């Protein structure tokens, strides 16, 4: 690969990442965000997190697994801590500790 090709690739990836973030900011900087949109956006972070975590928790060796899965127990512990504390740091620490301790059993 030539340096010109790598530079073009980096600039293309920058544009593909930057433009979708800038356009909404420019659009909504001059307008008021609708109330329904604000309410709807409150569900986006938890939905994205659930989509990312689901595969790692429930799928093992390309099979759906619930029974005897320590990650499911850890997930419920983390959900409880996250709900109670609203702290990402405590949630991560709880998840790591739960998986470690449950794997020792």
C-alpha atoms as a PDB file:
ATOM      1  CA  UNK A   1       0.000   0.000   0.000  1.00  0.00           C
ATOM      2  CA  UNK A   2       1.225   3.421  -0.851  1.00  0.00           C
ATOM      3  CA  UNK A   3       1.230   6.376   1.516  1.00  0.00           C
ATOM      4  CA  UNK A   4      -1.235   8.187  -0.728  1.00  0.00           C
ATOM      5  CA  UNK A   5      -3.664   5.274  -0.506  1.00  0.00           C
ATOM      6  CA  UNK A   6      -3.402   5.156   3.299  1.00  0.00           C
ATOM      7  CA  UNK A   7      -3.924   8.900   3.589  1.00  0.00           C
ATOM      8  CA  UNK A   8      -7.000   8.677   1.332  1.00  0.00           C
ATOM      9  CA  UNK A   9      -8.309   5.787   3.420  1.00  0.00           C
ATOM     10  CA  UNK A  10      -7.830   7.698   6.676  1.00  0.00           C
ATOM     11  CA  UNK A  11      -9.499  10.826   5.287  1.00  0.00           C
ATOM     12  CA  UNK A  12     -12.416   8.783   3.949  1.00  0.00           C
ATOM     13  CA  UNK A  13     -12.928   7.077   7.294  1.00  0.00           C
ATOM     14  CA  UNK A  14     -12.714  10.444   9.046  1.00  0.00           C
ATOM     15  CA  UNK A  15     -15.395  11.885   6.747  1.00  0.00           C
ATOM     16  CA  UNK A  16     -17.623   8.820   7.154  1.00  0.00           C
ATOM     17  CA  UNK A  17     -17.397   9.163  10.919  1.00  0.00           C
ATOM     18  CA  UNK A  18     -17.467  12.955  11.237  1.00  0.00           C
ATOM     19  CA  UNK A  19     -20.239  13.955   8.814  1.00  0.00           C
ATOM     20  CA  UNK A  20     -23.062  11.944  10.472  1.00  0.00           C
ATOM     21  CA  UNK A  21     -22.188  13.627  13.768  1.00  0.00           C
ATOM     22  CA  UNK A  22     -21.911  17.181  12.457  1.00  0.00           C
ATOM     23  CA  UNK A  23     -25.070  17.325  10.348  1.00  0.00           C
ATOM     24  CA  UNK A  24     -27.499  16.774  13.269  1.00  0.00           C
ATOM     25  CA  UNK A  25     -25.587  19.280  15.406  1.00  0.00           C
ATOM     26  CA  UNK A  26     -25.807  21.909  12.678  1.00  0.00           C
ATOM     27  CA  UNK A  27     -29.476  21.138  12.020  1.00  0.00           C
ATOM     28  CA  UNK A  28     -30.583  21.246  15.658  1.00  0.00           C
ATOM     29  CA  UNK A  29     -28.434  24.227  16.620  1.00  0.00           C
ATOM     30  CA  UNK A  30     -30.970  26.477  14.847  1.00  0.00           C
ATOM     31  CA  UNK A  31     -34.106  24.536  15.807  1.00  0.00           C
ATOM     32  CA  UNK A  32     -35.782  23.254  18.943  1.00  0.00           C
ATOM     33  CA  UNK A  33     -35.638  19.481  19.426  1.00  0.00           C
ATOM     34  CA  UNK A  34     -39.170  18.027  19.588  1.00  0.00           C
ATOM     35  CA  UNK A  35     -40.240  16.683  22.989  1.00  0.00           C
ATOM     36  CA  UNK A  36     -41.127  13.237  21.574  1.00  0.00           C
ATOM     37  CA  UNK A  37     -37.615  12.945  20.144  1.00  0.00           C
ATOM     38  CA  UNK A  38     -36.020  13.830  23.479  1.00  0.00           C
ATOM     39  CA  UNK A  39     -38.143  11.200  25.249  1.00  0.00           C
ATOM     40  CA  UNK A  40     -37.331   8.602  22.593  1.00  0.00           C
ATOM     41  CA  UNK A  41     -33.588   9.285  22.811  1.00  0.00           C
ATOM     42  CA  UNK A  42     -33.580   8.347  26.506  1.00  0.00           C
ATOM     43  CA  UNK A  43     -33.971   4.693  25.449  1.00  0.00           C
ATOM     44  CA  UNK A  44     -31.103   4.640  22.946  1.00  0.00           C
ATOM     45  CA  UNK A  45     -28.155   4.096  25.352  1.00  0.00           C
ATOM     46  CA  UNK A  46     -29.701   1.117  27.134  1.00  0.00           C
ATOM     47  CA  UNK A  47     -30.829  -0.384  23.830  1.00  0.00           C
ATOM     48  CA  UNK A  48     -27.356  -0.133  22.340  1.00  0.00           C
ATOM     49  CA  UNK A  49     -25.783  -1.544  25.490  1.00  0.00           C
ATOM     50  CA  UNK A  50     -28.229  -4.468  25.538  1.00  0.00           C
ATOM     51  CA  UNK A  51     -27.539  -5.236  21.880  1.00  0.00           C
ATOM     52  CA  UNK A  52     -23.796  -5.265  22.499  1.00  0.00           C
ATOM     53  CA  UNK A  53     -23.973  -7.377  25.655  1.00  0.00           C
ATOM     54  CA  UNK A  54     -26.626  -9.909  24.587  1.00  0.00           C
ATOM     55  CA  UNK A  55     -24.327 -12.016  22.428  1.00  0.00           C
ATOM     56  CA  UNK A  56     -21.566 -12.210  25.027  1.00  0.00           C
ATOM     57  CA  UNK A  57     -23.949 -13.165  27.832  1.00  0.00           C
ATOM     58  CA  UNK A  58     -26.312 -15.627  26.181  1.00  0.00           C
ATOM     59  CA  UNK A  59     -24.375 -17.174  23.294  1.00  0.00           C
ATOM     60  CA  UNK A  60     -21.563 -19.586  24.030  1.00  0.00           C
ATOM     61  CA  UNK A  61     -19.840 -21.701  21.373  1.00  0.00           C
ATOM     62  CA  UNK A  62     -22.487 -20.577  18.866  1.00  0.00           C
ATOM     63  CA  UNK A  63     -25.332 -21.963  21.003  1.00  0.00           C
ATOM     64  CA  UNK A  64     -27.944 -20.094  23.009  1.00  0.00           C
ATOM     65  CA  UNK A  65     -27.257 -20.931  26.641  1.00  0.00           C
ATOM     66  CA  UNK A  66     -29.148 -19.899  29.766  1.00  0.00           C
ATOM     67  CA  UNK A  67     -28.915 -22.776  32.262  1.00  0.00           C
ATOM     68  CA  UNK A  68     -25.617 -23.068  34.096  1.00  0.00           C
ATOM     69  CA  UNK A  69     -24.350 -19.845  32.558  1.00  0.00           C
ATOM     70  CA  UNK A  70     -22.484 -17.771  35.160  1.00  0.00           C
ATOM     71  CA  UNK A  71     -22.650 -14.727  32.914  1.00  0.00           C
ATOM     72  CA  UNK A  72     -26.447 -14.622  33.274  1.00  0.00           C
ATOM     73  CA  UNK A  73     -26.123 -14.520  37.070  1.00  0.00           C
ATOM     74  CA  UNK A  74     -23.472 -11.795  36.768  1.00  0.00           C
ATOM     75  CA  UNK A  75     -25.746  -9.875  34.395  1.00  0.00           C
ATOM     76  CA  UNK A  76     -28.558  -9.799  36.960  1.00  0.00           C
ATOM     77  CA  UNK A  77     -26.139  -8.660  39.663  1.00  0.00           C
ATOM     78  CA  UNK A  78     -24.850  -5.886  37.409  1.00  0.00           C
ATOM     79  CA  UNK A  79     -28.390  -4.849  36.477  1.00  0.00           C
ATOM     80  CA  UNK A  80     -29.276  -4.531  40.155  1.00  0.00           C
ATOM     81  CA  UNK A  81     -26.164  -2.500  40.961  1.00  0.00           C
ATOM     82  CA  UNK A  82     -26.661  -0.293  37.891  1.00  0.00           C
ATOM     83  CA  UNK A  83     -30.283   0.373  38.802  1.00  0.00           C
ATOM     84  CA  UNK A  84     -29.473   1.117  42.424  1.00  0.00           C
ATOM     85  CA  UNK A  85     -26.313   3.212  41.995  1.00  0.00           C
ATOM     86  CA  UNK A  86     -26.644   4.577  38.426  1.00  0.00           C
ATOM     87  CA  UNK A  87     -22.860   4.262  38.287  1.00  0.00           C
ATOM     88  CA  UNK A  88     -21.050   2.763  35.313  1.00  0.00           C
ATOM     89  CA  UNK A  89     -17.892   2.266  37.386  1.00  0.00           C
ATOM     90  CA  UNK A  90     -19.666   0.238  40.095  1.00  0.00           C
ATOM     91  CA  UNK A  91     -21.506  -1.748  37.454  1.00  0.00           C
ATOM     92  CA  UNK A  92     -18.290  -2.712  35.666  1.00  0.00           C
ATOM     93  CA  UNK A  93     -16.528  -3.576  38.934  1.00  0.00           C
ATOM     94  CA  UNK A  94     -19.498  -5.684  40.022  1.00  0.00           C
ATOM     95  CA  UNK A  95     -19.584  -7.503  36.685  1.00  0.00           C
ATOM     96  CA  UNK A  96     -15.878  -8.289  36.717  1.00  0.00           C
ATOM     97  CA  UNK A  97     -15.964  -9.444  40.338  1.00  0.00           C
ATOM     98  CA  UNK A  98     -19.092 -11.542  39.788  1.00  0.00           C
ATOM     99  CA  UNK A  99     -17.707 -13.349  36.750  1.00  0.00           C
ATOM    100  CA  UNK A 100     -14.388 -13.943  38.527  1.00  0.00           C
ATOM    101  CA  UNK A 101     -15.935 -15.248  41.732  1.00  0.00           C
ATOM    102  CA  UNK A 102     -18.577 -17.351  39.983  1.00  0.00           C
ATOM    103  CA  UNK A 103     -15.959 -18.910  37.712  1.00  0.00           C
ATOM    104  CA  UNK A 104     -14.119 -20.119  40.832  1.00  0.00           C
ATOM    105  CA  UNK A 105     -17.157 -22.218  41.830  1.00  0.00           C
END
